[in-house]
N, C-alpha and C. Protein backbone atom coordinates (compact mmCIF):
# COMPACT_ATOMS: atom_id res chain seq x y z
N UNK A 1 0.85 -1.16 0.00
CA UNK A 1 0.00 0.00 0.00
C UNK A 1 0.89 1.23 0.00
N UNK A 2 0.40 2.28 -0.53
CA UNK A 2 1.16 3.53 -0.55
C UNK A 2 0.92 4.29 0.76
N UNK A 3 1.75 5.28 1.01
CA UNK A 3 1.56 6.12 2.19
C UNK A 3 0.19 6.80 2.12
N UNK A 4 -0.21 7.23 0.92
CA UNK A 4 -1.53 7.86 0.75
C UNK A 4 -2.64 6.89 1.19
N UNK A 5 -2.54 5.64 0.75
CA UNK A 5 -3.55 4.65 1.13
C UNK A 5 -3.52 4.37 2.63
N UNK A 6 -2.32 4.35 3.20
CA UNK A 6 -2.17 4.13 4.64
C UNK A 6 -2.81 5.27 5.42
N UNK A 7 -2.56 6.51 4.98
CA UNK A 7 -3.16 7.67 5.64
C UNK A 7 -4.69 7.64 5.55
N UNK A 8 -5.20 7.27 4.38
CA UNK A 8 -6.65 7.21 4.20
C UNK A 8 -7.26 6.16 5.13
N UNK A 9 -6.58 5.05 5.28
CA UNK A 9 -7.08 4.01 6.18
C UNK A 9 -7.09 4.51 7.62
N UNK A 10 -6.01 5.20 8.01
CA UNK A 10 -5.95 5.75 9.37
C UNK A 10 -6.97 6.86 9.57
N UNK A 11 -7.24 7.66 8.53
CA UNK A 11 -8.18 8.76 8.64
C UNK A 11 -9.59 8.27 8.96
N UNK A 12 -9.88 7.03 8.60
CA UNK A 12 -11.21 6.47 8.85
C UNK A 12 -11.39 6.02 10.30
N UNK A 13 -10.31 6.09 11.08
CA UNK A 13 -10.34 5.64 12.47
C UNK A 13 -10.21 6.86 13.38
N UNK A 14 -10.96 6.87 14.45
CA UNK A 14 -10.89 7.99 15.38
C UNK A 14 -9.52 8.16 16.01
N UNK A 15 -9.16 9.41 16.31
CA UNK A 15 -7.85 9.72 16.87
C UNK A 15 -7.59 9.04 18.21
N UNK A 16 -8.63 8.72 18.95
CA UNK A 16 -8.45 8.13 20.27
C UNK A 16 -8.57 6.60 20.27
N UNK A 17 -8.74 6.00 19.09
CA UNK A 17 -8.84 4.55 19.00
C UNK A 17 -7.47 3.91 19.24
N UNK A 18 -7.46 2.78 19.90
CA UNK A 18 -6.22 2.04 20.11
C UNK A 18 -5.85 1.29 18.84
N UNK A 19 -4.56 1.12 18.62
CA UNK A 19 -4.12 0.35 17.46
C UNK A 19 -2.70 -0.14 17.69
N UNK A 20 -2.28 -1.06 16.87
CA UNK A 20 -0.88 -1.49 16.84
C UNK A 20 -0.60 -1.95 15.43
N UNK A 21 0.65 -1.97 15.06
CA UNK A 21 0.98 -2.38 13.71
C UNK A 21 2.45 -2.19 13.42
N UNK A 22 2.79 -2.50 12.21
CA UNK A 22 4.17 -2.39 11.75
C UNK A 22 4.18 -1.54 10.50
N UNK A 23 5.21 -0.72 10.36
CA UNK A 23 5.30 0.20 9.24
C UNK A 23 6.70 0.09 8.66
N UNK A 24 6.83 -0.38 7.43
CA UNK A 24 8.12 -0.55 6.77
C UNK A 24 8.17 0.33 5.53
N UNK A 25 9.33 0.90 5.26
CA UNK A 25 9.53 1.77 4.11
C UNK A 25 10.57 1.17 3.17
N UNK A 26 10.70 1.76 1.99
CA UNK A 26 11.68 1.30 1.01
C UNK A 26 13.08 1.26 1.60
N UNK A 27 13.40 2.23 2.44
CA UNK A 27 14.75 2.27 3.03
C UNK A 27 15.03 1.04 3.89
N UNK A 28 13.99 0.44 4.48
CA UNK A 28 14.18 -0.78 5.25
C UNK A 28 14.58 -1.94 4.35
N UNK A 29 13.95 -2.02 3.18
CA UNK A 29 14.30 -3.06 2.22
C UNK A 29 15.72 -2.84 1.69
N UNK A 30 16.06 -1.57 1.46
CA UNK A 30 17.42 -1.25 1.00
C UNK A 30 18.45 -1.55 2.08
N UNK A 31 18.07 -1.51 3.33
CA UNK A 31 18.96 -1.87 4.41
C UNK A 31 19.34 -3.34 4.37
N UNK A 32 18.46 -4.16 3.81
CA UNK A 32 18.73 -5.59 3.66
C UNK A 32 19.51 -5.83 2.38
N UNK A 33 19.08 -5.17 1.30
CA UNK A 33 19.76 -5.33 0.00
C UNK A 33 19.82 -3.97 -0.69
N UNK A 34 20.94 -3.28 -0.57
CA UNK A 34 21.04 -1.92 -1.11
C UNK A 34 21.05 -1.85 -2.63
N UNK A 35 21.11 -2.98 -3.31
CA UNK A 35 21.14 -3.00 -4.77
C UNK A 35 19.76 -3.13 -5.40
N UNK A 36 18.71 -3.15 -4.59
CA UNK A 36 17.35 -3.33 -5.12
C UNK A 36 16.91 -2.10 -5.90
N UNK A 37 16.17 -2.35 -6.97
CA UNK A 37 15.56 -1.29 -7.75
C UNK A 37 14.20 -0.94 -7.14
N UNK A 38 13.63 0.22 -7.48
CA UNK A 38 12.29 0.54 -7.00
C UNK A 38 11.25 -0.52 -7.37
N UNK A 39 11.34 -1.09 -8.58
CA UNK A 39 10.40 -2.15 -8.98
C UNK A 39 10.57 -3.40 -8.12
N UNK A 40 11.80 -3.74 -7.80
CA UNK A 40 12.05 -4.91 -6.95
C UNK A 40 11.55 -4.67 -5.53
N UNK A 41 11.73 -3.45 -5.03
CA UNK A 41 11.22 -3.11 -3.71
C UNK A 41 9.69 -3.22 -3.69
N UNK A 42 9.05 -2.66 -4.71
CA UNK A 42 7.58 -2.73 -4.79
C UNK A 42 7.12 -4.18 -4.85
N UNK A 43 7.81 -5.01 -5.62
CA UNK A 43 7.43 -6.42 -5.74
C UNK A 43 7.64 -7.14 -4.41
N UNK A 44 8.73 -6.84 -3.71
CA UNK A 44 8.98 -7.47 -2.41
C UNK A 44 7.95 -7.03 -1.38
N UNK A 45 7.56 -5.76 -1.42
CA UNK A 45 6.52 -5.28 -0.51
C UNK A 45 5.20 -6.00 -0.79
N UNK A 46 4.87 -6.13 -2.06
CA UNK A 46 3.63 -6.82 -2.44
C UNK A 46 3.67 -8.27 -1.98
N UNK A 47 4.80 -8.92 -2.20
CA UNK A 47 4.95 -10.32 -1.79
C UNK A 47 4.82 -10.43 -0.27
N UNK A 48 5.49 -9.54 0.46
CA UNK A 48 5.43 -9.57 1.92
C UNK A 48 4.00 -9.40 2.42
N UNK A 49 3.27 -8.49 1.81
CA UNK A 49 1.88 -8.26 2.19
C UNK A 49 1.01 -9.48 1.88
N UNK A 50 1.18 -10.04 0.69
CA UNK A 50 0.36 -11.18 0.26
C UNK A 50 0.66 -12.46 1.03
N UNK A 51 1.86 -12.58 1.57
CA UNK A 51 2.27 -13.81 2.26
C UNK A 51 2.46 -13.59 3.76
N UNK A 52 1.82 -12.57 4.29
CA UNK A 52 1.91 -12.26 5.71
C UNK A 52 1.20 -13.31 6.53
N UNK A 53 1.83 -13.76 7.59
CA UNK A 53 1.24 -14.69 8.55
C UNK A 53 1.25 -13.99 9.90
N UNK A 54 0.10 -13.75 10.46
CA UNK A 54 0.02 -13.01 11.71
C UNK A 54 0.77 -13.71 12.85
N UNK A 55 0.98 -15.01 12.73
CA UNK A 55 1.75 -15.72 13.76
C UNK A 55 3.24 -15.38 13.67
N UNK A 56 3.70 -15.01 12.49
CA UNK A 56 5.10 -14.64 12.31
C UNK A 56 5.30 -13.13 12.40
N UNK A 57 4.35 -12.39 11.86
CA UNK A 57 4.44 -10.94 11.86
C UNK A 57 5.32 -10.42 10.73
N UNK A 58 5.39 -9.10 10.63
CA UNK A 58 6.31 -8.44 9.71
C UNK A 58 7.58 -8.19 10.50
N UNK A 59 8.62 -8.94 10.19
CA UNK A 59 9.89 -8.77 10.88
C UNK A 59 11.00 -8.85 9.84
N UNK A 60 12.24 -8.71 10.29
CA UNK A 60 13.36 -8.72 9.34
C UNK A 60 13.40 -10.01 8.55
N UNK A 61 13.16 -11.14 9.21
CA UNK A 61 13.17 -12.42 8.50
C UNK A 61 12.12 -12.43 7.39
N UNK A 62 10.94 -11.93 7.68
CA UNK A 62 9.85 -11.91 6.70
C UNK A 62 10.24 -11.05 5.50
N UNK A 63 10.84 -9.89 5.75
CA UNK A 63 11.27 -9.03 4.65
C UNK A 63 12.39 -9.70 3.84
N UNK A 64 13.34 -10.33 4.52
CA UNK A 64 14.42 -11.03 3.81
C UNK A 64 13.86 -12.13 2.92
N UNK A 65 12.89 -12.88 3.42
CA UNK A 65 12.26 -13.95 2.64
C UNK A 65 11.55 -13.37 1.42
N UNK A 66 10.86 -12.26 1.58
CA UNK A 66 10.16 -11.64 0.46
C UNK A 66 11.16 -11.15 -0.59
N UNK A 67 12.24 -10.52 -0.13
CA UNK A 67 13.26 -10.03 -1.05
C UNK A 67 13.90 -11.19 -1.79
N UNK A 68 14.30 -12.22 -1.07
CA UNK A 68 14.94 -13.38 -1.71
C UNK A 68 14.02 -14.01 -2.74
N UNK A 69 12.76 -14.17 -2.40
CA UNK A 69 11.80 -14.78 -3.32
C UNK A 69 11.64 -13.94 -4.57
N UNK A 70 11.46 -12.64 -4.41
CA UNK A 70 11.26 -11.74 -5.55
C UNK A 70 12.50 -11.72 -6.44
N UNK A 71 13.68 -11.63 -5.84
CA UNK A 71 14.90 -11.56 -6.65
C UNK A 71 15.15 -12.88 -7.38
N UNK A 72 14.82 -13.99 -6.76
CA UNK A 72 14.97 -15.29 -7.43
C UNK A 72 13.98 -15.46 -8.57
N UNK A 73 12.80 -14.81 -8.45
CA UNK A 73 11.76 -14.91 -9.48
C UNK A 73 11.87 -13.81 -10.52
N UNK A 74 12.84 -12.94 -10.42
CA UNK A 74 13.03 -11.91 -11.43
C UNK A 74 12.54 -10.54 -11.02
N UNK A 75 12.09 -10.36 -9.79
CA UNK A 75 11.75 -9.06 -9.23
C UNK A 75 10.91 -8.17 -10.10
N UNK A 76 11.55 -7.34 -10.92
CA UNK A 76 10.86 -6.35 -11.72
C UNK A 76 9.95 -6.94 -12.78
N UNK A 77 10.06 -8.24 -13.04
CA UNK A 77 9.21 -8.86 -14.06
C UNK A 77 7.85 -9.25 -13.52
N UNK A 78 7.65 -9.15 -12.21
CA UNK A 78 6.36 -9.49 -11.62
C UNK A 78 5.39 -8.37 -11.95
N UNK A 79 4.21 -8.72 -12.45
CA UNK A 79 3.22 -7.72 -12.83
C UNK A 79 2.59 -7.11 -11.59
N UNK A 80 2.78 -5.82 -11.42
CA UNK A 80 2.21 -5.10 -10.29
C UNK A 80 1.57 -3.82 -10.79
N UNK A 81 0.64 -3.27 -10.02
CA UNK A 81 0.12 -1.96 -10.39
C UNK A 81 1.27 -0.96 -10.36
N UNK A 82 1.19 0.03 -11.23
CA UNK A 82 2.25 1.02 -11.28
C UNK A 82 2.24 1.85 -10.00
N UNK A 83 3.38 1.92 -9.34
CA UNK A 83 3.52 2.71 -8.12
C UNK A 83 4.75 3.57 -8.22
N UNK A 84 4.77 4.63 -7.47
CA UNK A 84 5.93 5.50 -7.41
C UNK A 84 6.49 5.40 -5.99
N UNK A 85 7.75 5.03 -5.89
CA UNK A 85 8.40 4.95 -4.59
C UNK A 85 9.35 6.12 -4.44
N UNK A 86 9.36 6.69 -3.28
CA UNK A 86 10.34 7.71 -2.99
C UNK A 86 11.32 7.11 -2.01
N UNK A 87 12.55 6.96 -2.45
CA UNK A 87 13.57 6.37 -1.61
C UNK A 87 14.30 7.50 -0.92
N UNK A 88 14.25 7.47 0.40
CA UNK A 88 14.85 8.55 1.19
C UNK A 88 16.30 8.27 1.48
């Protein structure tokens, strides 16, 4: 999901509602593999989201697994909606 989509989802919830969650950015993926392209990062994020297991959570191992899977499958060749990533 994009930051815009994340903000919209949060905007639908009251400011005083309790919540918990994990928030990962492109720079986190680059911290694992600094050679990733924006398309590979987007594909790894999509894979991580689609293969999330609440018993495992979003953690470094989960991101590493998503990156490894995407890079082994060709990363940028995976068909994804067009997204724009801003790498900080």
